[in-house]
Protein backbone atom coordinates (compact mmCIF):
# COMPACT_ATOMS: atom_id res chain seq x y z
CA ILE A 1 229.92 54.28 165.88
CA ALA A 2 228.60 55.83 169.10
CA PRO A 3 231.16 55.90 171.92
CA ASP A 4 230.08 56.39 175.53
CA LEU A 5 231.44 59.70 176.74
CA ARG A 6 233.48 59.89 179.94
CA GLY A 7 231.38 59.09 182.98
CA CYS A 8 228.66 57.37 180.95
CA GLY A 9 227.88 53.77 180.04
CA GLY A 10 230.94 51.58 179.79
CA SER A 11 233.48 54.42 179.70
CA THR A 12 235.63 55.47 182.64
CA HIS A 13 233.63 56.79 185.60
CA SER A 14 236.22 59.24 186.84
CA ALA A 15 235.88 61.98 189.44
CA ASP A 16 237.31 64.59 187.08
CA GLY A 17 238.28 65.15 183.46
CA TYR A 18 234.91 66.49 182.31
CA ALA A 19 236.35 69.62 180.72
CA ILE A 20 235.29 69.92 177.09
CA GLU A 21 238.95 69.83 176.06
CA ASP A 22 239.52 66.59 177.99
CA GLN A 23 236.47 64.93 176.50
CA ALA A 24 237.53 65.98 173.00
CA ALA A 25 240.91 64.40 173.74
CA ASP A 26 239.04 61.19 174.66
CA ILE A 27 237.38 61.27 171.24
CA ALA A 28 240.74 61.90 169.57
CA ALA A 29 242.22 58.84 171.29
CA PHE A 30 239.18 56.79 170.26
CA VAL A 31 239.51 57.95 166.64
CA ASP A 32 243.23 57.17 166.62
CA ALA A 33 242.62 53.70 168.05
CA LEU A 34 240.20 52.95 165.21
CA ASP A 35 242.40 54.75 162.65
CA LEU A 36 239.45 56.75 161.30
CA HIS A 37 239.97 59.28 158.50
CA ASN A 38 237.63 61.48 156.48
CA PHE A 39 234.72 60.59 158.75
CA ASP A 40 231.49 62.37 159.65
CA LEU A 41 231.20 63.55 163.26
CA VAL A 42 227.82 64.14 164.90
CA GLY A 43 227.47 65.83 168.29
CA HIS A 44 224.29 66.42 170.30
CA SER A 45 223.77 68.93 173.13
CA SER A 46 226.98 69.11 175.22
CA GLY A 47 228.37 66.56 172.78
CA GLY A 48 228.12 69.31 170.17
CA ALA A 49 230.65 71.34 172.15
CA ILE A 50 232.93 68.31 172.34
CA ALA A 51 232.56 67.78 168.59
CA VAL A 52 233.42 71.44 167.90
CA GLU A 53 236.48 71.20 170.14
CA TYR A 54 237.60 68.05 168.34
CA ALA A 55 237.04 69.64 164.93
CA LEU A 56 239.09 72.70 165.83
CA ASN A 57 242.06 70.50 166.64
CA HIS A 58 241.63 67.77 164.02
CA ILE A 59 239.80 69.36 161.11
CA ASN A 60 241.76 67.40 158.51
CA ARG A 61 240.46 64.11 159.93
CA LEU A 62 236.85 65.09 159.24
CA HIS A 63 234.58 64.92 156.22
CA THR A 64 231.66 66.79 157.79
CA LEU A 65 230.46 68.02 161.18
CA VAL A 66 226.82 67.77 162.28
CA LEU A 67 225.62 69.61 165.40
CA VAL A 68 222.22 68.60 166.78
CA ASP A 69 220.54 70.91 169.31
CA THR A 70 224.08 71.81 170.22
CA ALA A 71 225.42 73.72 173.17
CA PRO A 72 226.37 77.22 171.96
CA VAL A 73 229.96 77.84 170.90
CA GLU A 74 230.30 80.54 173.57
CA GLY A 75 229.51 78.03 176.31
CA VAL A 76 226.64 77.94 178.80
CA PHE A 77 226.34 79.49 182.24
CA THR A 78 224.52 77.37 184.82
CA PRO A 79 223.65 79.21 188.06
CA LEU A 80 224.54 77.67 191.41
CA GLU A 81 220.97 76.53 192.04
CA GLY A 82 221.05 74.72 188.69
CA LEU A 83 224.24 72.89 189.66
CA ARG A 84 222.66 71.91 192.97
CA LEU A 85 219.63 70.59 191.11
CA LEU A 86 221.87 68.48 188.87
CA ASP A 87 223.62 67.04 191.91
CA SER A 88 220.23 66.24 193.46
CA MET A 89 219.36 64.07 190.46
CA ARG A 90 222.03 61.59 191.50
CA GLU A 91 219.90 60.49 194.45
CA ASP A 92 216.38 61.40 193.32
CA ARG A 93 215.21 59.03 190.58
CA ASP A 94 211.85 60.80 190.14
CA LEU A 95 213.57 64.16 189.69
CA LEU A 96 215.93 62.62 187.15
CA ALA A 97 213.02 61.11 185.22
CA ARG A 98 211.16 64.44 185.12
CA ALA A 99 214.29 66.23 183.92
CA LEU A 100 214.86 63.69 181.14
CA ALA A 101 211.23 63.93 180.07
CA THR A 102 211.63 67.69 179.46
CA LEU A 103 214.36 66.87 176.92
CA MET A 104 211.93 64.93 174.72
CA PRO A 105 208.56 66.72 175.00
CA THR A 106 207.08 65.22 171.82
CA ALA A 107 207.96 61.57 172.54
CA PRO A 108 207.09 58.84 171.80
CA PRO A 109 208.04 58.89 168.12
CA SER A 110 205.85 57.35 165.45
CA THR A 111 208.25 54.40 165.33
CA MET A 112 207.34 53.32 168.89
CA THR A 113 204.17 52.33 170.68
CA GLN A 114 203.58 53.94 174.07
CA ALA A 115 204.44 50.65 175.77
CA GLN A 116 207.71 50.40 173.85
CA PHE A 117 208.59 53.97 174.71
CA ASP A 118 207.76 53.46 178.39
CA ALA A 119 210.19 50.53 178.52
CA PHE A 120 212.83 52.53 176.62
CA PHE A 121 212.41 55.53 178.93
CA ALA A 122 212.68 53.39 182.06
CA GLN A 123 215.99 52.01 180.76
CA LEU A 124 217.13 55.54 179.90
CA VAL A 125 216.48 56.68 183.47
CA GLU A 126 218.32 53.63 184.79
CA ASP A 127 221.31 54.29 182.54
CA ALA A 128 221.40 57.98 183.50
CA SER A 129 221.28 57.09 187.20
CA GLN A 130 224.44 55.01 186.71
CA MET A 131 226.48 57.93 185.39
CA ALA A 132 229.55 58.88 187.36
CA PRO A 133 228.46 61.17 190.22
CA ALA A 134 230.87 63.88 189.10
CA ALA A 135 229.41 63.88 185.58
CA PHE A 136 226.04 65.31 186.63
CA SER A 137 227.32 68.80 187.40
CA GLY A 138 230.79 68.34 185.90
CA VAL A 139 229.59 68.73 182.31
CA ALA A 140 227.59 71.86 183.16
CA GLU A 141 230.59 73.37 184.92
CA ALA A 142 232.76 72.48 181.91
CA LEU A 143 230.40 74.29 179.52
CA ASP A 144 230.59 77.36 181.76
CA ARG A 145 234.38 77.42 181.36
CA TRP A 146 234.40 76.66 177.61
CA ASN A 147 234.14 79.40 174.96
CA ARG A 148 235.21 78.94 171.35
CA PHE A 149 233.19 81.74 169.78
CA GLU A 150 236.34 83.55 168.61
CA ASP A 151 237.86 80.37 167.17
CA VAL A 152 235.12 78.67 165.16
CA HIS A 153 235.86 80.85 162.13
CA ARG A 154 238.55 78.20 161.48
CA LEU A 155 235.92 75.53 160.85
CA THR A 156 236.17 75.55 157.06
CA LEU A 157 234.49 72.20 156.56
CA PRO A 158 230.85 71.37 155.79
CA VAL A 159 228.82 71.90 158.98
CA LEU A 160 225.12 71.20 159.44
CA LEU A 161 223.12 72.53 162.37
CA ILE A 162 219.88 70.76 163.28
CA TRP A 163 217.48 72.17 165.87
CA GLY A 164 214.05 71.16 167.14
CA ASN A 165 211.69 74.10 167.43
CA GLN A 166 210.23 72.72 170.67
CA ASP A 167 213.67 72.68 172.32
CA THR A 168 213.43 74.31 175.76
CA ILE A 169 217.16 73.92 176.47
CA VAL A 170 218.72 75.64 173.44
CA ASP A 171 216.72 78.43 171.82
CA ARG A 172 216.70 79.52 168.19
CA ASP A 173 218.62 82.77 168.78
CA THR A 174 221.46 80.84 170.40
CA THR A 175 221.52 78.35 167.53
CA THR A 176 221.49 81.16 164.97
CA ARG A 177 224.54 82.78 166.62
CA THR A 178 226.38 79.49 166.29
CA LEU A 179 225.29 79.21 162.66
CA ILE A 180 226.59 82.69 161.83
CA ALA A 181 229.88 82.16 163.67
CA ILE A 182 230.90 79.03 161.71
CA PRO A 183 231.88 79.71 158.06
CA GLY A 184 231.14 76.17 156.91
CA ALA A 185 227.66 76.19 158.45
CA ASN A 186 225.44 77.55 155.71
CA ASN A 187 222.22 75.83 156.72
CA LEU A 188 220.03 75.35 159.77
CA GLU A 189 217.61 72.44 159.57
CA VAL A 190 214.62 73.15 161.79
CA LEU A 191 212.67 70.08 162.87
CA ARG A 192 209.15 71.26 163.66
CA GLY A 193 207.30 69.66 166.52
CA VAL A 194 210.52 68.24 167.97
CA GLY A 195 212.28 69.10 171.22
CA HIS A 196 215.87 68.75 172.43
CA SER A 197 216.23 65.06 171.53
CA PRO A 198 215.38 64.44 167.86
CA MET A 199 217.22 61.12 167.87
CA ILE A 200 214.48 59.93 170.24
CA GLU A 201 211.54 62.10 169.15
CA ALA A 202 212.01 61.91 165.37
CA PRO A 203 214.78 59.38 164.62
CA LEU A 204 213.85 58.71 160.99
CA THR A 205 213.63 62.41 160.10
CA LEU A 206 216.94 63.11 161.81
CA ALA A 207 218.63 60.21 160.04
CA GLU A 208 217.32 61.39 156.66
CA ARG A 209 218.64 64.92 157.22
CA ILE A 210 222.06 63.67 158.26
CA ILE A 211 222.37 61.16 155.41
CA ASP A 212 221.32 63.77 152.84
CA PHE A 213 223.99 66.13 154.18
CA ILE A 214 226.95 63.79 154.51
CA THR A 215 226.42 62.25 151.05
CA GLU A 216 226.68 65.54 149.19
CA ASP A 217 229.76 66.39 147.11
CA TYR A 218 232.01 68.72 149.12
CA GLY A 219 235.03 68.82 146.85
CA TYR A 220 235.06 72.61 146.90
CA PHE A 221 235.54 72.59 150.68
CA ALA A 222 238.66 70.47 150.27
CA ALA A 223 239.99 72.97 147.75
CA VAL A 224 239.41 75.83 150.20
CA ARG A 225 241.18 73.97 152.99
CA ASP A 226 244.12 73.04 150.76
CA SER A 227 244.58 76.68 149.73
CA ALA A 228 244.38 77.78 153.37
CA ASP A 229 247.11 75.31 154.30
CA GLU A 230 249.48 76.60 151.62
């Protein structure tokens, strides 16, 4: 199940509400509507921050948490010129396409021909151009205000971090700090030759890593959580 986040795809294109807390509340409402329990939650990039926020407030609903090239748990500062650049992408399709291309430097994946990828990428640019105008800089501003570094010690559930070593958005040191800060995160899967978007650049490898992780036996984590609740 892959819901469109606020401002994207078929979800509400609002002028506000892009705070990480608000978007996590959107996910909570979505989960409640589907009555999901003991499920695996995967978050990518800024979606990783949203997934962490959700997990902190609803840990007992989750089986595992997977963070892929995630925004750091202490948030991200974007300078004013960066915010202006993001706003410029709303009107400049070529600039938007170049920015998206930097997120997937090793594309196309082996599962696609160049022609297939070109068609996929053109649709990706089109979809991104249809995002709510406020979402372009709104998410970056939200990450600047969000910091859960002092709280993630409460994430006593199985957590997997996955990071592409060609990622130019999130570096290894930042990812390692997140790994160390979360008690349940005892492993960092490094995807070599992959950038910020492994679901596009190496979808089969990413799927294998996630499936291997979520199908393990984590009974001991449940015991730890039960004892913590007592």
